[in-house]
Amino acid sequence: MDWLSVQNPVLQALLATLFTWAMTGAGAALVFTFRTINRNMMDMMLGFASGVMIAASFWS
């Protein structure tokens, strides 16, 4: 982490952007790997997503 903290702020922003893009792409790739999703799993994922959005609305 020390290596990143001494870098140019523009490079830091670029690396953070690329990391965010990669994580979004990895999550979106799951859509293409699974044909069907168990109903209980879907309920858990929707519950988690709604909790994240509620938390973001309170602490942002």
C-alpha atoms as a PDB file:
ATOM      1  CA  MET A   1       0.000   0.000   0.000  1.00  0.00           C
ATOM      2  CA  ASP A   2       2.969   2.309   0.523  1.00  0.00           C
ATOM      3  CA  TRP A   3       3.764   2.082  -3.176  1.00  0.00           C
ATOM      4  CA  LEU A   4       0.329   3.418  -4.093  1.00  0.00           C
ATOM      5  CA  SER A   5       0.335   6.282  -1.600  1.00  0.00           C
ATOM      6  CA  VAL A   6       3.481   7.862  -3.086  1.00  0.00           C
ATOM      7  CA  GLN A   7       2.264   7.772  -6.686  1.00  0.00           C
ATOM      8  CA  ASN A   8       0.936  10.679  -8.707  1.00  0.00           C
ATOM      9  CA  PRO A   9      -2.737  11.403  -7.862  1.00  0.00           C
ATOM     10  CA  VAL A  10      -3.693  11.014 -11.527  1.00  0.00           C
ATOM     11  CA  LEU A  11      -2.182   7.511 -11.553  1.00  0.00           C
ATOM     12  CA  GLN A  12      -3.998   6.711  -8.305  1.00  0.00           C
ATOM     13  CA  ALA A  13      -7.294   7.783  -9.856  1.00  0.00           C
ATOM     14  CA  LEU A  14      -6.585   5.732 -12.979  1.00  0.00           C
ATOM     15  CA  LEU A  15      -5.791   2.605 -10.954  1.00  0.00           C
ATOM     16  CA  ALA A  16      -8.908   3.059  -8.822  1.00  0.00           C
ATOM     17  CA  THR A  17     -11.000   3.487 -11.964  1.00  0.00           C
ATOM     18  CA  LEU A  18      -9.544   0.355 -13.552  1.00  0.00           C
ATOM     19  CA  PHE A  19     -10.133  -1.637 -10.368  1.00  0.00           C
ATOM     20  CA  THR A  20     -13.759  -0.475 -10.200  1.00  0.00           C
ATOM     21  CA  TRP A  21     -14.251  -1.299 -13.881  1.00  0.00           C
ATOM     22  CA  ALA A  22     -12.774  -4.771 -13.407  1.00  0.00           C
ATOM     23  CA  MET A  23     -14.991  -5.558 -10.407  1.00  0.00           C
ATOM     24  CA  THR A  24     -18.088  -4.336 -12.254  1.00  0.00           C
ATOM     25  CA  GLY A  25     -17.146  -6.442 -15.267  1.00  0.00           C
ATOM     26  CA  ALA A  26     -16.574  -9.508 -13.092  1.00  0.00           C
ATOM     27  CA  GLY A  27     -19.983  -9.093 -11.487  1.00  0.00           C
ATOM     28  CA  ALA A  28     -21.673  -8.569 -14.826  1.00  0.00           C
ATOM     29  CA  ALA A  29     -19.961 -11.655 -16.249  1.00  0.00           C
ATOM     30  CA  LEU A  30     -21.916 -13.789 -13.788  1.00  0.00           C
ATOM     31  CA  VAL A  31     -25.031 -13.070 -15.847  1.00  0.00           C
ATOM     32  CA  PHE A  32     -23.540 -15.017 -18.730  1.00  0.00           C
ATOM     33  CA  THR A  33     -22.373 -17.986 -16.652  1.00  0.00           C
ATOM     34  CA  PHE A  34     -25.630 -19.005 -14.972  1.00  0.00           C
ATOM     35  CA  ARG A  35     -28.792 -19.878 -16.910  1.00  0.00           C
ATOM     36  CA  THR A  36     -31.106 -20.198 -13.920  1.00  0.00           C
ATOM     37  CA  ILE A  37     -30.872 -19.034 -10.332  1.00  0.00           C
ATOM     38  CA  ASN A  38     -32.461 -20.704  -7.337  1.00  0.00           C
ATOM     39  CA  ARG A  39     -35.354 -18.654  -5.930  1.00  0.00           C
ATOM     40  CA  ASN A  40     -33.824 -18.551  -2.431  1.00  0.00           C
ATOM     41  CA  MET A  41     -30.501 -17.362  -3.849  1.00  0.00           C
ATOM     42  CA  MET A  42     -32.287 -14.634  -5.807  1.00  0.00           C
ATOM     43  CA  ASP A  43     -34.084 -13.505  -2.645  1.00  0.00           C
ATOM     44  CA  MET A  44     -30.784 -13.343  -0.740  1.00  0.00           C
ATOM     45  CA  MET A  45     -29.068 -11.357  -3.491  1.00  0.00           C
ATOM     46  CA  LEU A  46     -31.951  -8.886  -3.757  1.00  0.00           C
ATOM     47  CA  GLY A  47     -32.020  -8.480   0.021  1.00  0.00           C
ATOM     48  CA  PHE A  48     -28.286  -7.816   0.118  1.00  0.00           C
ATOM     49  CA  ALA A  49     -28.514  -5.313  -2.740  1.00  0.00           C
ATOM     50  CA  SER A  50     -31.379  -3.461  -1.075  1.00  0.00           C
ATOM     51  CA  GLY A  51     -29.424  -3.312   2.183  1.00  0.00           C
ATOM     52  CA  VAL A  52     -26.428  -1.843   0.383  1.00  0.00           C
ATOM     53  CA  MET A  53     -28.598   0.790  -1.297  1.00  0.00           C
ATOM     54  CA  ILE A  54     -30.311   1.741   1.972  1.00  0.00           C
ATOM     55  CA  ALA A  55     -26.928   2.020   3.695  1.00  0.00           C
ATOM     56  CA  ALA A  56     -25.615   4.158   0.835  1.00  0.00           C
ATOM     57  CA  SER A  57     -28.570   6.515   1.153  1.00  0.00           C
ATOM     58  CA  PHE A  58     -27.949   6.989   4.883  1.00  0.00           C
ATOM     59  CA  TRP A  59     -24.156   7.312   4.893  1.00  0.00           C
ATOM     60  CA  SER A  60     -23.482   9.248   1.716  1.00  0.00           C
END
